[in-house]
Each structure stands twice: as C-alpha cells, then as structure tokens.
Amino acid sequence: MPPRILKDVMVIDRSALASQMYALLFTPKLRFRLRFSDEFSTLHKLSPRLRPDLLVINSNSLSKDEALNFPCPTLVISSKDRFDLKEQVIQMAESSVLLVEKPFYPYDLISLANRLINSPKTSKRGRKKKGELRV
C-alpha cells in the first residue's frame, strides 16, 4: 500500500531543471503530491476549485505587470532583480506568502514549505467556509 498523501504542492516554473529539483525535494517519502504548471495565469484554467496546500512560484513565470492574488499559502522564489515583485509581496503583508531570494539552499525551501503548510493560520483543517457545518 502506498503512503497516504498528506499535502498537495503546486509548482509554477518554466524551467525543466527546476521542476526536477522540486520533484527530488518534495519526495513521496515526505508525503507531498506535486503538480506542475508553466504559467501563473493558467493556474485557474486547470481547475477553478484548485486549492493546493502550498503554491511554489518562480518569478520567471510571473509577468511584471501581473496582479498577485494567491489562493493558498505561497512561496515566491525571486531573482535579485525583481524589485517590483518584492514590493508587491511586502505590501501584501500576509504571513501566508513568503519571498525566497535566489540563490537559496534547497533544504531551506523544504523547511519554509513545512512551516507554511503546518501553520495553524493556513491549515485547511482550521479553515471554516461560510455556511459550513462542522461535525
């Protein structure tokens, strides 16, 4: 019997090499299920109800004039020259969005991902939808 998958992670990155790195980092042993996309704009085209536990977005998949609205806890990986993106993330002032500058240590990324996913503020179990009855 395969291990139970606990968390869904959506990775948005144009680089095939980076996608392989994420696949190695978020291994099935750690009970993550990965999905990949090339563009942030296609995220809602995949499924309007898509709400992964974590969104990992590389700045190469975001256009400079794109408004940022993330449906779940998010790690934004940015190069040092994306000042516009840094300002937008700072203005969001949400604890569920973290900015990670390149270069970074891959295992630091896993640590941040676990911290975001397991935060009581961002946990799916802790959220209650409007009109939802809990049993």
C-alpha atoms as a PDB file:
ATOM      1  CA  MET A   1       0.000   0.000   0.000  1.00  0.00           C
ATOM      2  CA  PRO A   2       1.481   3.402  -0.959  1.00  0.00           C
ATOM      3  CA  PRO A   3       1.918   6.036   1.759  1.00  0.00           C
ATOM      4  CA  ARG A   4      -1.010   8.358   2.339  1.00  0.00           C
ATOM      5  CA  ILE A   5      -0.517  11.715   0.649  1.00  0.00           C
ATOM      6  CA  LEU A   6      -0.964  14.491   3.134  1.00  0.00           C
ATOM      7  CA  LYS A   7      -0.206  17.681   1.186  1.00  0.00           C
ATOM      8  CA  ASP A   8      -0.708  18.921  -2.376  1.00  0.00           C
ATOM      9  CA  VAL A   9       2.001  21.217  -3.744  1.00  0.00           C
ATOM     10  CA  MET A  10       1.577  23.178  -6.987  1.00  0.00           C
ATOM     11  CA  VAL A  11       4.854  24.295  -8.592  1.00  0.00           C
ATOM     12  CA  ILE A  12       4.768  27.034 -11.210  1.00  0.00           C
ATOM     13  CA  ASP A  13       8.103  27.278 -13.013  1.00  0.00           C
ATOM     14  CA  ARG A  14       9.205  27.361 -16.646  1.00  0.00           C
ATOM     15  CA  SER A  15      12.496  25.574 -16.032  1.00  0.00           C
ATOM     16  CA  ALA A  16      12.547  21.793 -16.521  1.00  0.00           C
ATOM     17  CA  LEU A  17      15.688  21.557 -14.374  1.00  0.00           C
ATOM     18  CA  ALA A  18      13.985  23.379 -11.507  1.00  0.00           C
ATOM     19  CA  SER A  19      10.971  21.086 -11.836  1.00  0.00           C
ATOM     20  CA  GLN A  20      13.264  18.093 -11.400  1.00  0.00           C
ATOM     21  CA  MET A  21      14.801  19.736  -8.317  1.00  0.00           C
ATOM     22  CA  TYR A  22      11.350  20.213  -6.796  1.00  0.00           C
ATOM     23  CA  ALA A  23      10.469  16.603  -7.590  1.00  0.00           C
ATOM     24  CA  LEU A  24      13.559  15.468  -5.694  1.00  0.00           C
ATOM     25  CA  LEU A  25      12.947  17.785  -2.743  1.00  0.00           C
ATOM     26  CA  PHE A  26       9.257  17.068  -2.274  1.00  0.00           C
ATOM     27  CA  THR A  27       9.655  13.306  -2.458  1.00  0.00           C
ATOM     28  CA  PRO A  28       6.772  10.885  -1.910  1.00  0.00           C
ATOM     29  CA  LYS A  29       8.568   9.763   1.229  1.00  0.00           C
ATOM     30  CA  LEU A  30       7.692  13.154   2.716  1.00  0.00           C
ATOM     31  CA  ARG A  31       4.089  12.653   1.568  1.00  0.00           C
ATOM     32  CA  PHE A  32       3.753  15.509  -0.894  1.00  0.00           C
ATOM     33  CA  ARG A  33       1.913  15.286  -4.206  1.00  0.00           C
ATOM     34  CA  LEU A  34       3.344  17.614  -6.841  1.00  0.00           C
ATOM     35  CA  ARG A  35       1.620  19.251  -9.767  1.00  0.00           C
ATOM     36  CA  PHE A  36       3.423  21.441 -12.287  1.00  0.00           C
ATOM     37  CA  SER A  37       2.462  24.384 -14.454  1.00  0.00           C
ATOM     38  CA  ASP A  38       4.441  26.760 -16.671  1.00  0.00           C
ATOM     39  CA  GLU A  39       2.480  29.970 -16.138  1.00  0.00           C
ATOM     40  CA  PHE A  40       0.704  31.549 -13.189  1.00  0.00           C
ATOM     41  CA  SER A  41      -2.074  32.772 -15.482  1.00  0.00           C
ATOM     42  CA  THR A  42      -3.000  29.148 -16.320  1.00  0.00           C
ATOM     43  CA  LEU A  43      -3.382  28.173 -12.669  1.00  0.00           C
ATOM     44  CA  HIS A  44      -7.135  28.782 -12.556  1.00  0.00           C
ATOM     45  CA  LYS A  45      -7.641  27.294 -16.017  1.00  0.00           C
ATOM     46  CA  LEU A  46      -6.536  23.910 -14.659  1.00  0.00           C
ATOM     47  CA  SER A  47      -9.447  23.841 -12.256  1.00  0.00           C
ATOM     48  CA  PRO A  48     -11.455  26.692 -10.765  1.00  0.00           C
ATOM     49  CA  ARG A  49     -11.638  24.790  -7.479  1.00  0.00           C
ATOM     50  CA  LEU A  50      -7.915  24.054  -7.300  1.00  0.00           C
ATOM     51  CA  ARG A  51      -6.630  24.876  -3.823  1.00  0.00           C
ATOM     52  CA  PRO A  52      -3.332  23.182  -3.148  1.00  0.00           C
ATOM     53  CA  ASP A  53      -1.860  23.192   0.336  1.00  0.00           C
ATOM     54  CA  LEU A  54       1.174  25.096  -0.969  1.00  0.00           C
ATOM     55  CA  LEU A  55       1.965  27.087  -4.081  1.00  0.00           C
ATOM     56  CA  VAL A  56       5.626  27.457  -5.141  1.00  0.00           C
ATOM     57  CA  ILE A  57       6.036  30.144  -7.801  1.00  0.00           C
ATOM     58  CA  ASN A  58       9.215  31.153  -9.581  1.00  0.00           C
ATOM     59  CA  SER A  59       9.454  34.772 -10.668  1.00  0.00           C
ATOM     60  CA  ASN A  60      10.195  33.654 -14.253  1.00  0.00           C
ATOM     61  CA  SER A  61       6.563  32.597 -14.611  1.00  0.00           C
ATOM     62  CA  LEU A  62       5.142  35.952 -13.462  1.00  0.00           C
ATOM     63  CA  SER A  63       4.886  38.919 -15.789  1.00  0.00           C
ATOM     64  CA  LYS A  64       5.969  42.298 -14.459  1.00  0.00           C
ATOM     65  CA  ASP A  65       2.509  43.873 -14.626  1.00  0.00           C
ATOM     66  CA  GLU A  66       0.589  40.897 -13.231  1.00  0.00           C
ATOM     67  CA  ALA A  67      -1.509  41.425 -10.112  1.00  0.00           C
ATOM     68  CA  LEU A  68      -0.748  38.867  -7.437  1.00  0.00           C
ATOM     69  CA  ASN A  69      -3.606  37.051  -5.769  1.00  0.00           C
ATOM     70  CA  PHE A  70      -2.700  33.706  -4.276  1.00  0.00           C
ATOM     71  CA  PRO A  71      -5.409  31.180  -3.311  1.00  0.00           C
ATOM     72  CA  CYS A  72      -3.309  29.428  -0.671  1.00  0.00           C
ATOM     73  CA  PRO A  73      -0.014  29.650   1.271  1.00  0.00           C
ATOM     74  CA  THR A  74       2.694  30.595  -1.217  1.00  0.00           C
ATOM     75  CA  LEU A  75       6.462  30.592  -1.585  1.00  0.00           C
ATOM     76  CA  VAL A  76       7.576  33.116  -4.196  1.00  0.00           C
ATOM     77  CA  ILE A  77      11.078  32.429  -5.493  1.00  0.00           C
ATOM     78  CA  SER A  78      12.560  35.607  -6.875  1.00  0.00           C
ATOM     79  CA  SER A  79      15.763  36.684  -8.535  1.00  0.00           C
ATOM     80  CA  LYS A  80      17.501  39.712  -7.058  1.00  0.00           C
ATOM     81  CA  ASP A  81      16.492  41.984  -9.952  1.00  0.00           C
ATOM     82  CA  ARG A  82      12.717  41.619  -9.419  1.00  0.00           C
ATOM     83  CA  PHE A  83      12.198  44.666  -7.188  1.00  0.00           C
ATOM     84  CA  ASP A  84       8.597  45.045  -8.389  1.00  0.00           C
ATOM     85  CA  LEU A  85       7.750  41.568  -7.143  1.00  0.00           C
ATOM     86  CA  LYS A  86       9.432  42.142  -3.789  1.00  0.00           C
ATOM     87  CA  GLU A  87       7.421  45.312  -3.253  1.00  0.00           C
ATOM     88  CA  GLN A  88       4.150  43.576  -4.102  1.00  0.00           C
ATOM     89  CA  VAL A  89       4.831  40.735  -1.676  1.00  0.00           C
ATOM     90  CA  ILE A  90       5.802  43.177   1.093  1.00  0.00           C
ATOM     91  CA  GLN A  91       2.627  45.203   0.500  1.00  0.00           C
ATOM     92  CA  MET A  92       0.515  42.066   0.786  1.00  0.00           C
ATOM     93  CA  ALA A  93       1.662  41.815   4.418  1.00  0.00           C
ATOM     94  CA  GLU A  94       0.355  38.269   4.754  1.00  0.00           C
ATOM     95  CA  SER A  95       2.077  35.612   6.765  1.00  0.00           C
ATOM     96  CA  SER A  96       0.965  33.027   4.217  1.00  0.00           C
ATOM     97  CA  VAL A  97       3.190  34.489   1.465  1.00  0.00           C
ATOM     98  CA  LEU A  98       6.961  34.232   1.794  1.00  0.00           C
ATOM     99  CA  LEU A  99       9.585  35.582  -0.576  1.00  0.00           C
ATOM    100  CA  VAL A 100      12.706  33.471  -1.135  1.00  0.00           C
ATOM    101  CA  GLU A 101      15.593  35.109  -2.976  1.00  0.00           C
ATOM    102  CA  LYS A 102      17.876  33.165  -5.280  1.00  0.00           C
ATOM    103  CA  PRO A 103      20.325  31.615  -4.578  1.00  0.00           C
ATOM    104  CA  PHE A 104      18.954  29.569  -1.703  1.00  0.00           C
ATOM    105  CA  TYR A 105      19.652  26.238  -0.086  1.00  0.00           C
ATOM    106  CA  PRO A 106      17.109  23.657  -1.299  1.00  0.00           C
ATOM    107  CA  TYR A 107      16.552  22.208   2.155  1.00  0.00           C
ATOM    108  CA  ASP A 108      15.770  25.686   3.496  1.00  0.00           C
ATOM    109  CA  LEU A 109      12.965  25.725   0.954  1.00  0.00           C
ATOM    110  CA  ILE A 110      11.567  22.488   2.401  1.00  0.00           C
ATOM    111  CA  SER A 111      11.783  23.965   5.889  1.00  0.00           C
ATOM    112  CA  LEU A 112       9.841  27.068   4.817  1.00  0.00           C
ATOM    113  CA  ALA A 113       7.309  24.922   2.972  1.00  0.00           C
ATOM    114  CA  ASN A 114       6.673  22.782   6.047  1.00  0.00           C
ATOM    115  CA  ARG A 115       6.341  25.906   8.194  1.00  0.00           C
ATOM    116  CA  LEU A 116       3.755  27.423   5.837  1.00  0.00           C
ATOM    117  CA  ILE A 117       1.777  24.218   5.396  1.00  0.00           C
ATOM    118  CA  ASN A 118       1.664  23.366   9.090  1.00  0.00           C
ATOM    119  CA  SER A 119       0.886  26.889  10.283  1.00  0.00           C
ATOM    120  CA  PRO A 120      -2.452  26.964  12.148  1.00  0.00           C
ATOM    121  CA  LYS A 121      -3.455  30.118  10.219  1.00  0.00           C
ATOM    122  CA  THR A 122      -3.070  28.396   6.845  1.00  0.00           C
ATOM    123  CA  SER A 123      -4.150  24.878   7.706  1.00  0.00           C
ATOM    124  CA  LYS A 124      -7.087  23.553   5.676  1.00  0.00           C
ATOM    125  CA  ARG A 125      -8.426  21.807   8.749  1.00  0.00           C
ATOM    126  CA  GLY A 126      -8.508  25.075  10.684  1.00  0.00           C
ATOM    127  CA  ARG A 127     -10.417  26.958   7.975  1.00  0.00           C
ATOM    128  CA  LYS A 128     -14.163  27.151   8.092  1.00  0.00           C
ATOM    129  CA  LYS A 129     -16.072  28.146   4.973  1.00  0.00           C
ATOM    130  CA  LYS A 130     -19.030  30.441   5.190  1.00  0.00           C
ATOM    131  CA  GLY A 131     -22.113  28.424   5.949  1.00  0.00           C
ATOM    132  CA  GLU A 132     -20.121  25.242   6.585  1.00  0.00           C
ATOM    133  CA  LEU A 133     -21.253  22.986   9.377  1.00  0.00           C
ATOM    134  CA  ARG A 134     -18.547  21.071  11.208  1.00  0.00           C
ATOM    135  CA  VAL A 135     -19.281  17.643  12.620  1.00  0.00           C
END
